[in-house]
Amino acid sequence: MAIESHLAELERRHQALELELSEALGHPSIDGLKIAELKRKKLHVKDEIARLRQQTFVH
């Protein structure tokens, strides 16, 4: 059950990062480094979700 709740939390975090990135892209004054940081965080969360799902299906 712990893995499912962790996955749910990661999915919420991924969605929040998607929203934050979308909002940041709408502001022309946002620094390119901030955009890159948000994309990197979002990708990291996505990779963690994929890893946990694979681990869940393997076991």
N, C-alpha and C. Protein backbone atom coordinates (compact mmCIF):
# COMPACT_ATOMS: atom_id res chain seq x y z
N MET A 1 0.82 -1.20 0.00
CA MET A 1 0.00 0.00 0.00
C MET A 1 0.86 1.26 0.00
N ALA A 2 2.02 1.19 0.59
CA ALA A 2 2.90 2.35 0.68
C ALA A 2 3.35 2.80 -0.70
N ILE A 3 3.60 1.85 -1.59
CA ILE A 3 4.04 2.21 -2.94
C ILE A 3 2.93 2.95 -3.68
N GLU A 4 1.69 2.51 -3.51
CA GLU A 4 0.57 3.17 -4.18
C GLU A 4 0.41 4.61 -3.70
N SER A 5 0.55 4.82 -2.40
CA SER A 5 0.41 6.18 -1.88
C SER A 5 1.59 7.05 -2.32
N HIS A 6 2.77 6.46 -2.40
CA HIS A 6 3.93 7.19 -2.88
C HIS A 6 3.75 7.56 -4.35
N LEU A 7 3.24 6.63 -5.14
CA LEU A 7 2.96 6.90 -6.55
C LEU A 7 1.94 8.02 -6.70
N ALA A 8 0.91 7.99 -5.89
CA ALA A 8 -0.12 9.03 -5.95
C ALA A 8 0.48 10.39 -5.62
N GLU A 9 1.35 10.44 -4.62
CA GLU A 9 2.00 11.70 -4.25
C GLU A 9 2.91 12.19 -5.38
N LEU A 10 3.64 11.28 -5.99
CA LEU A 10 4.51 11.67 -7.11
C LEU A 10 3.68 12.17 -8.29
N GLU A 11 2.55 11.56 -8.54
CA GLU A 11 1.69 12.01 -9.64
C GLU A 11 1.13 13.40 -9.36
N ARG A 12 0.77 13.68 -8.09
CA ARG A 12 0.32 15.02 -7.72
C ARG A 12 1.44 16.04 -7.91
N ARG A 13 2.65 15.65 -7.50
CA ARG A 13 3.80 16.53 -7.65
C ARG A 13 4.10 16.80 -9.13
N HIS A 14 4.00 15.78 -9.94
CA HIS A 14 4.23 15.92 -11.38
C HIS A 14 3.21 16.88 -11.98
N GLN A 15 1.96 16.74 -11.59
CA GLN A 15 0.90 17.62 -12.08
C GLN A 15 1.13 19.07 -11.63
N ALA A 16 1.57 19.24 -10.39
CA ALA A 16 1.85 20.58 -9.87
C ALA A 16 3.01 21.23 -10.63
N LEU A 17 4.02 20.44 -10.94
CA LEU A 17 5.15 20.96 -11.72
C LEU A 17 4.71 21.31 -13.14
N GLU A 18 3.84 20.50 -13.70
CA GLU A 18 3.30 20.79 -15.05
C GLU A 18 2.58 22.13 -15.04
N LEU A 19 1.77 22.35 -14.03
CA LEU A 19 1.03 23.61 -13.92
C LEU A 19 1.99 24.78 -13.73
N GLU A 20 2.97 24.61 -12.85
CA GLU A 20 3.94 25.67 -12.60
C GLU A 20 4.74 25.99 -13.86
N LEU A 21 5.12 24.96 -14.60
CA LEU A 21 5.86 25.15 -15.85
C LEU A 21 5.01 25.86 -16.88
N SER A 22 3.76 25.46 -16.98
CA SER A 22 2.85 26.09 -17.93
C SER A 22 2.67 27.58 -17.61
N GLU A 23 2.51 27.88 -16.33
CA GLU A 23 2.37 29.28 -15.93
C GLU A 23 3.65 30.07 -16.19
N ALA A 24 4.79 29.45 -15.92
CA ALA A 24 6.07 30.13 -16.13
C ALA A 24 6.30 30.42 -17.61
N LEU A 25 5.91 29.49 -18.46
CA LEU A 25 6.08 29.70 -19.90
C LEU A 25 5.20 30.83 -20.42
N GLY A 26 4.15 31.14 -19.70
CA GLY A 26 3.25 32.22 -20.09
C GLY A 26 3.76 33.60 -19.73
N HIS A 27 4.81 33.66 -18.93
CA HIS A 27 5.38 34.95 -18.52
C HIS A 27 6.70 35.18 -19.26
N PRO A 28 6.75 36.17 -20.11
CA PRO A 28 7.99 36.39 -20.89
C PRO A 28 9.18 36.81 -20.03
N SER A 29 8.94 37.27 -18.82
CA SER A 29 10.04 37.72 -17.98
C SER A 29 10.70 36.59 -17.18
N ILE A 30 10.19 35.37 -17.29
CA ILE A 30 10.74 34.25 -16.53
C ILE A 30 12.10 33.86 -17.11
N ASP A 31 13.04 33.64 -16.21
CA ASP A 31 14.40 33.26 -16.56
C ASP A 31 14.42 31.86 -17.20
N GLY A 32 15.23 31.71 -18.24
CA GLY A 32 15.37 30.42 -18.90
C GLY A 32 15.90 29.35 -17.98
N LEU A 33 16.71 29.73 -17.01
CA LEU A 33 17.23 28.76 -16.05
C LEU A 33 16.12 28.20 -15.16
N LYS A 34 15.16 29.05 -14.83
CA LYS A 34 14.01 28.61 -14.02
C LYS A 34 13.19 27.59 -14.80
N ILE A 35 12.99 27.86 -16.10
CA ILE A 35 12.25 26.92 -16.96
C ILE A 35 12.99 25.58 -17.02
N ALA A 36 14.29 25.63 -17.22
CA ALA A 36 15.09 24.41 -17.29
C ALA A 36 15.03 23.63 -15.97
N GLU A 37 15.06 24.35 -14.86
CA GLU A 37 14.99 23.70 -13.55
C GLU A 37 13.65 22.99 -13.36
N LEU A 38 12.57 23.67 -13.75
CA LEU A 38 11.24 23.05 -13.63
C LEU A 38 11.13 21.81 -14.52
N LYS A 39 11.65 21.90 -15.73
CA LYS A 39 11.61 20.75 -16.64
C LYS A 39 12.42 19.58 -16.08
N ARG A 40 13.57 19.90 -15.50
CA ARG A 40 14.42 18.86 -14.91
C ARG A 40 13.71 18.18 -13.74
N LYS A 41 13.08 18.98 -12.89
CA LYS A 41 12.35 18.42 -11.74
C LYS A 41 11.20 17.53 -12.22
N LYS A 42 10.48 18.02 -13.21
CA LYS A 42 9.34 17.27 -13.75
C LYS A 42 9.81 15.94 -14.33
N LEU A 43 10.91 15.96 -15.07
CA LEU A 43 11.45 14.74 -15.65
C LEU A 43 11.91 13.77 -14.57
N HIS A 44 12.52 14.29 -13.53
CA HIS A 44 12.96 13.44 -12.43
C HIS A 44 11.77 12.74 -11.77
N VAL A 45 10.71 13.48 -11.54
CA VAL A 45 9.51 12.89 -10.93
C VAL A 45 8.90 11.85 -11.87
N LYS A 46 8.86 12.16 -13.17
CA LYS A 46 8.32 11.21 -14.14
C LYS A 46 9.14 9.92 -14.16
N ASP A 47 10.46 10.05 -14.12
CA ASP A 47 11.33 8.87 -14.09
C ASP A 47 11.10 8.05 -12.82
N GLU A 48 10.91 8.72 -11.70
CA GLU A 48 10.65 8.02 -10.44
C GLU A 48 9.31 7.28 -10.50
N ILE A 49 8.31 7.90 -11.09
CA ILE A 49 7.01 7.24 -11.26
C ILE A 49 7.17 5.98 -12.12
N ALA A 50 7.87 6.10 -13.23
CA ALA A 50 8.08 4.96 -14.12
C ALA A 50 8.85 3.85 -13.41
N ARG A 51 9.86 4.20 -12.63
CA ARG A 51 10.65 3.21 -11.91
C ARG A 51 9.79 2.46 -10.89
N LEU A 52 8.97 3.21 -10.15
CA LEU A 52 8.11 2.56 -9.16
C LEU A 52 7.05 1.68 -9.81
N ARG A 53 6.49 2.15 -10.91
CA ARG A 53 5.48 1.31 -11.60
C ARG A 53 6.11 0.03 -12.13
N GLN A 54 7.30 0.14 -12.69
CA GLN A 54 7.99 -1.06 -13.18
C GLN A 54 8.31 -2.01 -12.03
N GLN A 55 8.77 -1.46 -10.93
CA GLN A 55 9.09 -2.26 -9.75
C GLN A 55 7.84 -2.96 -9.23
N THR A 56 6.71 -2.26 -9.26
CA THR A 56 5.45 -2.84 -8.77
C THR A 56 5.00 -3.99 -9.66
N PHE A 57 5.12 -3.83 -10.98
CA PHE A 57 4.67 -4.87 -11.90
C PHE A 57 5.61 -6.06 -11.94
N VAL A 58 6.88 -5.85 -11.65
CA VAL A 58 7.85 -6.94 -11.68
C VAL A 58 7.65 -7.86 -10.48
N HIS A 59 7.32 -7.27 -9.33
CA HIS A 59 7.17 -8.08 -8.12
C HIS A 59 5.79 -8.56 -7.97
